Amino acid sequence: MKFGEKLRLQRQEKGLSQVELAKELGVTTRTLINYEGGTSHPKSREIYYKLSEFFDVDINYFLTEDAEFLTLAAQRYGSKGMTEAKEVLEQATALFAGGKLSDEDKLAFLHEMQAIYFDSKERARTKFTSKKLRKPANLPEN
């Protein structure tokens, strides 16, 4: 089950409207609608913590491997990085369509793809950005 589906399910089980949950999380209703629709993910781990506390579930329930990857990409490289990370995941998922890889092999492949993505972004940042303008990779872009 994807992040948005889990969020919608938890919200509905608690009998909340999207407006009520958005207010509780400190986000706009539009943002919550995008989360539930799968068009965006929280860019901050703080939202995941708020969700896990509010719904009294383990944070890992909401923070799947894909969500973790997208969140890190957004924190490090902004919305463009998150968009690129989504494309990486979509293309990797397409590779598995109709394939015969085990779940363990698929997971190993996705982990490697994520590591390659971050490594290539860091190498490009180092190569094409002057030392004066570089930000540490663990800080989000503004």
N, C-alpha and C. Protein backbone atom coordinates (compact mmCIF):
# COMPACT_ATOMS: atom_id res chain seq x y z
N MET A 1 0.85 -1.17 0.00
CA MET A 1 0.00 0.00 0.00
C MET A 1 0.89 1.24 0.00
N LYS A 2 0.54 2.21 -0.81
CA LYS A 2 1.35 3.42 -0.94
C LYS A 2 1.03 4.41 0.18
N PHE A 3 1.93 5.37 0.34
CA PHE A 3 1.81 6.36 1.41
C PHE A 3 0.43 7.02 1.40
N GLY A 4 0.00 7.54 0.26
CA GLY A 4 -1.28 8.24 0.18
C GLY A 4 -2.45 7.36 0.58
N GLU A 5 -2.40 6.10 0.17
CA GLU A 5 -3.48 5.16 0.52
C GLU A 5 -3.50 4.92 2.03
N LYS A 6 -2.31 4.76 2.63
CA LYS A 6 -2.22 4.54 4.07
C LYS A 6 -2.76 5.76 4.83
N LEU A 7 -2.40 6.94 4.35
CA LEU A 7 -2.83 8.16 5.00
C LEU A 7 -4.36 8.30 4.95
N ARG A 8 -4.92 8.07 3.76
CA ARG A 8 -6.37 8.16 3.60
C ARG A 8 -7.08 7.14 4.50
N LEU A 9 -6.57 5.93 4.53
CA LEU A 9 -7.17 4.87 5.35
C LEU A 9 -7.16 5.26 6.83
N GLN A 10 -6.04 5.73 7.33
CA GLN A 10 -5.94 6.13 8.73
C GLN A 10 -6.88 7.30 9.04
N ARG A 11 -6.93 8.27 8.13
CA ARG A 11 -7.80 9.43 8.34
C ARG A 11 -9.26 9.00 8.40
N GLN A 12 -9.66 8.14 7.47
CA GLN A 12 -11.05 7.70 7.42
C GLN A 12 -11.40 6.84 8.64
N GLU A 13 -10.48 5.99 9.07
CA GLU A 13 -10.73 5.16 10.25
C GLU A 13 -10.93 6.00 11.50
N LYS A 14 -10.28 7.15 11.53
CA LYS A 14 -10.41 8.04 12.69
C LYS A 14 -11.60 8.99 12.52
N GLY A 15 -12.26 8.93 11.36
CA GLY A 15 -13.44 9.75 11.11
C GLY A 15 -13.15 11.22 10.91
N LEU A 16 -12.00 11.53 10.35
CA LEU A 16 -11.61 12.92 10.14
C LEU A 16 -11.82 13.35 8.69
N SER A 17 -12.09 14.61 8.49
CA SER A 17 -12.13 15.17 7.14
C SER A 17 -10.70 15.55 6.76
N GLN A 18 -10.49 15.81 5.48
CA GLN A 18 -9.17 16.24 5.04
C GLN A 18 -8.82 17.59 5.66
N VAL A 19 -9.81 18.46 5.80
CA VAL A 19 -9.59 19.78 6.41
C VAL A 19 -9.11 19.63 7.85
N GLU A 20 -9.74 18.75 8.60
CA GLU A 20 -9.38 18.55 10.01
C GLU A 20 -7.96 18.00 10.15
N LEU A 21 -7.63 17.00 9.33
CA LEU A 21 -6.29 16.42 9.43
C LEU A 21 -5.22 17.42 8.97
N ALA A 22 -5.50 18.16 7.92
CA ALA A 22 -4.55 19.16 7.45
C ALA A 22 -4.25 20.17 8.55
N LYS A 23 -5.29 20.60 9.24
CA LYS A 23 -5.12 21.56 10.34
C LYS A 23 -4.26 20.94 11.45
N GLU A 24 -4.52 19.70 11.77
CA GLU A 24 -3.77 18.98 12.81
C GLU A 24 -2.28 18.90 12.46
N LEU A 25 -1.98 18.68 11.17
CA LEU A 25 -0.59 18.53 10.72
C LEU A 25 0.10 19.86 10.46
N GLY A 26 -0.69 20.92 10.32
CA GLY A 26 -0.11 22.23 10.01
C GLY A 26 0.22 22.39 8.54
N VAL A 27 -0.55 21.72 7.67
CA VAL A 27 -0.38 21.86 6.23
C VAL A 27 -1.70 22.34 5.64
N THR A 28 -1.67 22.77 4.39
CA THR A 28 -2.90 23.19 3.74
C THR A 28 -3.73 21.97 3.35
N THR A 29 -5.00 22.18 3.15
CA THR A 29 -5.87 21.10 2.71
C THR A 29 -5.41 20.58 1.35
N ARG A 30 -4.97 21.48 0.48
CA ARG A 30 -4.49 21.10 -0.84
C ARG A 30 -3.29 20.17 -0.72
N THR A 31 -2.40 20.47 0.20
CA THR A 31 -1.23 19.62 0.42
C THR A 31 -1.65 18.23 0.84
N LEU A 32 -2.60 18.15 1.78
CA LEU A 32 -3.08 16.85 2.24
C LEU A 32 -3.75 16.08 1.10
N ILE A 33 -4.52 16.77 0.29
CA ILE A 33 -5.16 16.13 -0.87
C ILE A 33 -4.09 15.56 -1.80
N ASN A 34 -3.01 16.30 -2.01
CA ASN A 34 -1.91 15.82 -2.85
C ASN A 34 -1.22 14.61 -2.23
N TYR A 35 -1.06 14.62 -0.91
CA TYR A 35 -0.49 13.45 -0.24
C TYR A 35 -1.35 12.22 -0.49
N GLU A 36 -2.63 12.36 -0.23
CA GLU A 36 -3.55 11.22 -0.37
C GLU A 36 -3.67 10.77 -1.82
N GLY A 37 -3.58 11.70 -2.73
CA GLY A 37 -3.68 11.36 -4.15
C GLY A 37 -2.41 10.79 -4.74
N GLY A 38 -1.33 10.82 -3.97
CA GLY A 38 -0.07 10.26 -4.44
C GLY A 38 0.72 11.18 -5.34
N THR A 39 0.30 12.45 -5.46
CA THR A 39 1.03 13.38 -6.32
C THR A 39 2.19 14.06 -5.61
N SER A 40 2.21 13.96 -4.26
CA SER A 40 3.35 14.49 -3.52
C SER A 40 3.51 13.73 -2.20
N HIS A 41 4.67 13.90 -1.62
CA HIS A 41 5.00 13.29 -0.32
C HIS A 41 5.51 14.41 0.58
N PRO A 42 5.43 14.23 1.87
CA PRO A 42 6.00 15.24 2.76
C PRO A 42 7.49 15.43 2.49
N LYS A 43 7.91 16.68 2.48
CA LYS A 43 9.32 16.97 2.25
C LYS A 43 10.11 16.98 3.54
N SER A 44 9.41 16.88 4.64
CA SER A 44 10.04 16.95 5.95
C SER A 44 9.70 15.71 6.76
N ARG A 45 10.69 15.21 7.48
CA ARG A 45 10.45 14.07 8.36
C ARG A 45 9.49 14.44 9.48
N GLU A 46 9.43 15.71 9.81
CA GLU A 46 8.55 16.17 10.89
C GLU A 46 7.10 15.78 10.62
N ILE A 47 6.66 15.85 9.38
CA ILE A 47 5.29 15.47 9.04
C ILE A 47 5.08 13.98 9.30
N TYR A 48 6.06 13.17 8.95
CA TYR A 48 5.95 11.73 9.21
C TYR A 48 5.86 11.46 10.72
N TYR A 49 6.65 12.19 11.51
CA TYR A 49 6.59 12.03 12.96
C TYR A 49 5.22 12.43 13.51
N LYS A 50 4.70 13.55 13.00
CA LYS A 50 3.38 14.00 13.45
C LYS A 50 2.32 12.96 13.11
N LEU A 51 2.40 12.40 11.90
CA LEU A 51 1.43 11.38 11.49
C LEU A 51 1.51 10.15 12.39
N SER A 52 2.73 9.69 12.64
CA SER A 52 2.88 8.48 13.45
C SER A 52 2.37 8.70 14.88
N GLU A 53 2.63 9.87 15.43
CA GLU A 53 2.13 10.17 16.77
C GLU A 53 0.62 10.33 16.79
N PHE A 54 0.09 11.07 15.82
CA PHE A 54 -1.34 11.34 15.79
C PHE A 54 -2.15 10.06 15.63
N PHE A 55 -1.68 9.18 14.73
CA PHE A 55 -2.43 7.94 14.48
C PHE A 55 -1.95 6.78 15.36
N ASP A 56 -0.96 7.05 16.20
CA ASP A 56 -0.42 6.04 17.11
C ASP A 56 0.03 4.78 16.36
N VAL A 57 0.84 5.01 15.32
CA VAL A 57 1.43 3.91 14.56
C VAL A 57 2.93 4.13 14.48
N ASP A 58 3.66 3.08 14.21
CA ASP A 58 5.10 3.17 14.03
C ASP A 58 5.38 4.06 12.82
N ILE A 59 6.40 4.89 12.90
CA ILE A 59 6.73 5.79 11.81
C ILE A 59 6.98 5.03 10.51
N ASN A 60 7.50 3.82 10.61
CA ASN A 60 7.79 3.03 9.41
C ASN A 60 6.53 2.66 8.64
N TYR A 61 5.38 2.71 9.29
CA TYR A 61 4.12 2.45 8.59
C TYR A 61 3.94 3.46 7.47
N PHE A 62 4.25 4.73 7.73
CA PHE A 62 4.11 5.76 6.71
C PHE A 62 5.39 5.93 5.89
N LEU A 63 6.53 5.74 6.52
CA LEU A 63 7.80 6.02 5.88
C LEU A 63 8.35 4.78 5.19
N THR A 64 7.80 4.50 4.03
CA THR A 64 8.28 3.36 3.24
C THR A 64 9.63 3.70 2.64
N GLU A 65 10.26 2.73 2.05
CA GLU A 65 11.56 2.98 1.44
C GLU A 65 11.48 4.03 0.35
N ASP A 66 10.42 3.99 -0.46
CA ASP A 66 10.27 4.97 -1.52
C ASP A 66 10.09 6.36 -0.93
N ALA A 67 9.27 6.46 0.09
CA ALA A 67 9.02 7.76 0.72
C ALA A 67 10.30 8.31 1.34
N GLU A 68 11.08 7.45 1.96
CA GLU A 68 12.34 7.87 2.56
C GLU A 68 13.27 8.43 1.48
N PHE A 69 13.37 7.75 0.36
CA PHE A 69 14.22 8.18 -0.75
C PHE A 69 13.74 9.54 -1.28
N LEU A 70 12.44 9.69 -1.47
CA LEU A 70 11.89 10.94 -1.98
C LEU A 70 12.11 12.08 -0.99
N THR A 71 11.94 11.80 0.27
CA THR A 71 12.14 12.83 1.30
C THR A 71 13.60 13.28 1.34
N LEU A 72 14.52 12.34 1.30
CA LEU A 72 15.94 12.70 1.29
C LEU A 72 16.30 13.51 0.05
N ALA A 73 15.78 13.10 -1.10
CA ALA A 73 16.05 13.83 -2.34
C ALA A 73 15.52 15.26 -2.25
N ALA A 74 14.33 15.42 -1.69
CA ALA A 74 13.74 16.76 -1.54
C ALA A 74 14.55 17.61 -0.56
N GLN A 75 14.99 17.02 0.52
CA GLN A 75 15.78 17.75 1.51
C GLN A 75 17.12 18.20 0.93
N ARG A 76 17.74 17.33 0.18
CA ARG A 76 19.07 17.64 -0.35
C ARG A 76 19.03 18.51 -1.60
N TYR A 77 18.04 18.28 -2.49
CA TYR A 77 18.08 18.92 -3.80
C TYR A 77 16.80 19.66 -4.17
N GLY A 78 15.91 19.85 -3.22
CA GLY A 78 14.70 20.62 -3.49
C GLY A 78 13.67 19.86 -4.30
N SER A 79 12.70 20.60 -4.81
CA SER A 79 11.60 19.96 -5.53
C SER A 79 12.07 19.30 -6.83
N LYS A 80 13.07 19.89 -7.46
CA LYS A 80 13.60 19.28 -8.69
C LYS A 80 14.23 17.91 -8.38
N GLY A 81 14.95 17.83 -7.27
CA GLY A 81 15.54 16.56 -6.87
C GLY A 81 14.49 15.52 -6.57
N MET A 82 13.39 15.96 -5.94
CA MET A 82 12.31 15.03 -5.64
C MET A 82 11.66 14.52 -6.93
N THR A 83 11.47 15.40 -7.89
CA THR A 83 10.90 15.01 -9.18
C THR A 83 11.80 14.01 -9.88
N GLU A 84 13.10 14.27 -9.86
CA GLU A 84 14.05 13.34 -10.48
C GLU A 84 14.02 11.99 -9.77
N ALA A 85 13.95 12.02 -8.45
CA ALA A 85 13.91 10.77 -7.68
C ALA A 85 12.66 9.97 -8.02
N LYS A 86 11.53 10.65 -8.18
CA LYS A 86 10.28 9.96 -8.57
C LYS A 86 10.46 9.27 -9.92
N GLU A 87 11.12 9.97 -10.85
CA GLU A 87 11.36 9.39 -12.18
C GLU A 87 12.23 8.14 -12.07
N VAL A 88 13.25 8.20 -11.23
CA VAL A 88 14.12 7.04 -11.03
C VAL A 88 13.30 5.86 -10.54
N LEU A 89 12.44 6.10 -9.54
CA LEU A 89 11.61 5.03 -9.00
C LEU A 89 10.63 4.48 -10.04
N GLU A 90 10.01 5.37 -10.80
CA GLU A 90 9.05 4.93 -11.82
C GLU A 90 9.74 4.08 -12.89
N GLN A 91 10.91 4.51 -13.32
CA GLN A 91 11.63 3.77 -14.34
C GLN A 91 12.12 2.43 -13.81
N ALA A 92 12.58 2.42 -12.58
CA ALA A 92 13.05 1.16 -11.98
C ALA A 92 11.88 0.20 -11.83
N THR A 93 10.73 0.71 -11.40
CA THR A 93 9.54 -0.12 -11.25
C THR A 93 9.10 -0.69 -12.59
N ALA A 94 9.21 0.11 -13.64
CA ALA A 94 8.84 -0.35 -14.98
C ALA A 94 9.73 -1.51 -15.44
N LEU A 95 10.98 -1.50 -14.99
CA LEU A 95 11.89 -2.59 -15.35
C LEU A 95 11.41 -3.94 -14.82
N PHE A 96 10.68 -3.90 -13.70
CA PHE A 96 10.24 -5.13 -13.06
C PHE A 96 8.93 -5.68 -13.62
N ALA A 97 8.25 -4.91 -14.43
CA ALA A 97 6.95 -5.34 -14.95
C ALA A 97 7.11 -6.64 -15.73
N GLY A 98 6.43 -7.66 -15.26
CA GLY A 98 6.47 -8.95 -15.94
C GLY A 98 7.75 -9.72 -15.72
N GLY A 99 8.63 -9.20 -14.88
CA GLY A 99 9.91 -9.87 -14.65
C GLY A 99 9.80 -11.00 -13.66
N LYS A 100 10.91 -11.68 -13.48
CA LYS A 100 10.93 -12.83 -12.59
C LYS A 100 11.93 -12.67 -11.45
N LEU A 101 12.21 -11.42 -11.07
CA LEU A 101 13.11 -11.20 -9.95
C LEU A 101 12.37 -11.45 -8.64
N SER A 102 13.09 -11.96 -7.68
CA SER A 102 12.49 -12.13 -6.35
C SER A 102 12.34 -10.76 -5.70
N ASP A 103 11.50 -10.68 -4.69
CA ASP A 103 11.31 -9.42 -3.98
C ASP A 103 12.63 -8.94 -3.37
N GLU A 104 13.42 -9.87 -2.89
CA GLU A 104 14.72 -9.53 -2.30
C GLU A 104 15.64 -8.90 -3.35
N ASP A 105 15.65 -9.47 -4.56
CA ASP A 105 16.48 -8.92 -5.64
C ASP A 105 15.98 -7.55 -6.09
N LYS A 106 14.66 -7.39 -6.14
CA LYS A 106 14.10 -6.09 -6.51
C LYS A 106 14.50 -5.02 -5.50
N LEU A 107 14.42 -5.36 -4.23
CA LEU A 107 14.77 -4.43 -3.17
C LEU A 107 16.25 -4.07 -3.24
N ALA A 108 17.10 -5.06 -3.47
CA ALA A 108 18.54 -4.80 -3.60
C ALA A 108 18.81 -3.87 -4.78
N PHE A 109 18.12 -4.11 -5.89
CA PHE A 109 18.27 -3.26 -7.07
C PHE A 109 17.87 -1.82 -6.76
N LEU A 110 16.72 -1.64 -6.11
CA LEU A 110 16.24 -0.30 -5.79
C LEU A 110 17.20 0.42 -4.84
N HIS A 111 17.76 -0.31 -3.87
CA HIS A 111 18.74 0.30 -2.96
C HIS A 111 19.96 0.78 -3.74
N GLU A 112 20.42 -0.01 -4.67
CA GLU A 112 21.58 0.39 -5.47
C GLU A 112 21.27 1.58 -6.35
N MET A 113 20.08 1.60 -6.93
CA MET A 113 19.67 2.73 -7.78
C MET A 113 19.62 4.02 -6.96
N GLN A 114 19.12 3.93 -5.75
CA GLN A 114 19.05 5.10 -4.89
C GLN A 114 20.45 5.59 -4.53
N ALA A 115 21.34 4.67 -4.22
CA ALA A 115 22.72 5.05 -3.90
C ALA A 115 23.40 5.69 -5.10
N ILE A 116 23.16 5.14 -6.28
CA ILE A 116 23.74 5.71 -7.50
C ILE A 116 23.20 7.10 -7.75
N TYR A 117 21.91 7.30 -7.53
CA TYR A 117 21.30 8.61 -7.72
C TYR A 117 21.99 9.65 -6.83
N PHE A 118 22.10 9.36 -5.53
CA PHE A 118 22.71 10.32 -4.62
C PHE A 118 24.19 10.54 -4.94
N ASP A 119 24.88 9.49 -5.30
CA ASP A 119 26.29 9.62 -5.66
C ASP A 119 26.47 10.50 -6.90
N SER A 120 25.65 10.28 -7.91
CA SER A 120 25.78 11.07 -9.14
C SER A 120 25.41 12.53 -8.90
N LYS A 121 24.41 12.78 -8.06
CA LYS A 121 24.04 14.17 -7.74
C LYS A 121 25.19 14.86 -7.01
N GLU A 122 25.83 14.16 -6.10
CA GLU A 122 26.94 14.74 -5.35
C GLU A 122 28.14 15.01 -6.26
N ARG A 123 28.43 14.07 -7.16
CA ARG A 123 29.54 14.28 -8.09
C ARG A 123 29.27 15.45 -9.02
N ALA A 124 28.03 15.58 -9.50
CA ALA A 124 27.68 16.70 -10.37
C ALA A 124 27.78 18.03 -9.61
N ARG A 125 27.33 18.03 -8.37
CA ARG A 125 27.41 19.24 -7.55
C ARG A 125 28.86 19.66 -7.35
N THR A 126 29.71 18.71 -7.09
CA THR A 126 31.13 18.98 -6.89
C THR A 126 31.79 19.44 -8.18
N LYS A 127 31.41 18.84 -9.27
CA LYS A 127 32.05 19.14 -10.55
C LYS A 127 31.61 20.48 -11.13
N PHE A 128 30.33 20.82 -11.00
CA PHE A 128 29.80 21.98 -11.71
C PHE A 128 29.50 23.19 -10.83
N THR A 129 29.75 23.12 -9.55
CA THR A 129 29.49 24.25 -8.65
C THR A 129 30.80 24.69 -8.04
N SER A 130 31.04 26.00 -8.08
CA SER A 130 32.29 26.49 -7.49
C SER A 130 32.29 26.22 -5.98
N LYS A 131 33.46 26.06 -5.42
CA LYS A 131 33.59 25.75 -4.00
C LYS A 131 32.91 26.81 -3.14
N LYS A 132 32.93 28.04 -3.59
CA LYS A 132 32.34 29.14 -2.84
C LYS A 132 30.83 28.99 -2.69
N LEU A 133 30.18 28.45 -3.71
CA LEU A 133 28.71 28.37 -3.73
C LEU A 133 28.16 27.05 -3.23
N ARG A 134 29.00 26.07 -2.98
CA ARG A 134 28.52 24.76 -2.55
C ARG A 134 27.93 24.80 -1.16
N LYS A 135 26.81 24.09 -1.01
CA LYS A 135 26.21 23.87 0.29
C LYS A 135 26.52 22.45 0.68
N PRO A 136 26.61 22.17 1.96
CA PRO A 136 26.75 20.77 2.36
C PRO A 136 25.56 19.97 1.84
N ALA A 137 25.79 18.74 1.40
CA ALA A 137 24.74 17.91 0.77
C ALA A 137 23.60 17.59 1.72
N ASN A 138 23.80 17.67 3.02
CA ASN A 138 22.73 17.30 3.94
C ASN A 138 21.79 18.45 4.26
N LEU A 139 22.03 19.63 3.69
CA LEU A 139 21.14 20.76 3.91
C LEU A 139 20.16 20.90 2.75
N PRO A 140 18.89 21.16 3.02
CA PRO A 140 17.93 21.34 1.94
C PRO A 140 18.17 22.66 1.21
N GLU A 141 17.82 22.68 -0.06
CA GLU A 141 17.92 23.91 -0.83
C GLU A 141 16.75 24.79 -0.50
N ASN A 142 16.93 26.11 -0.62
CA ASN A 142 15.82 27.05 -0.40
C ASN A 142 15.24 27.49 -1.70
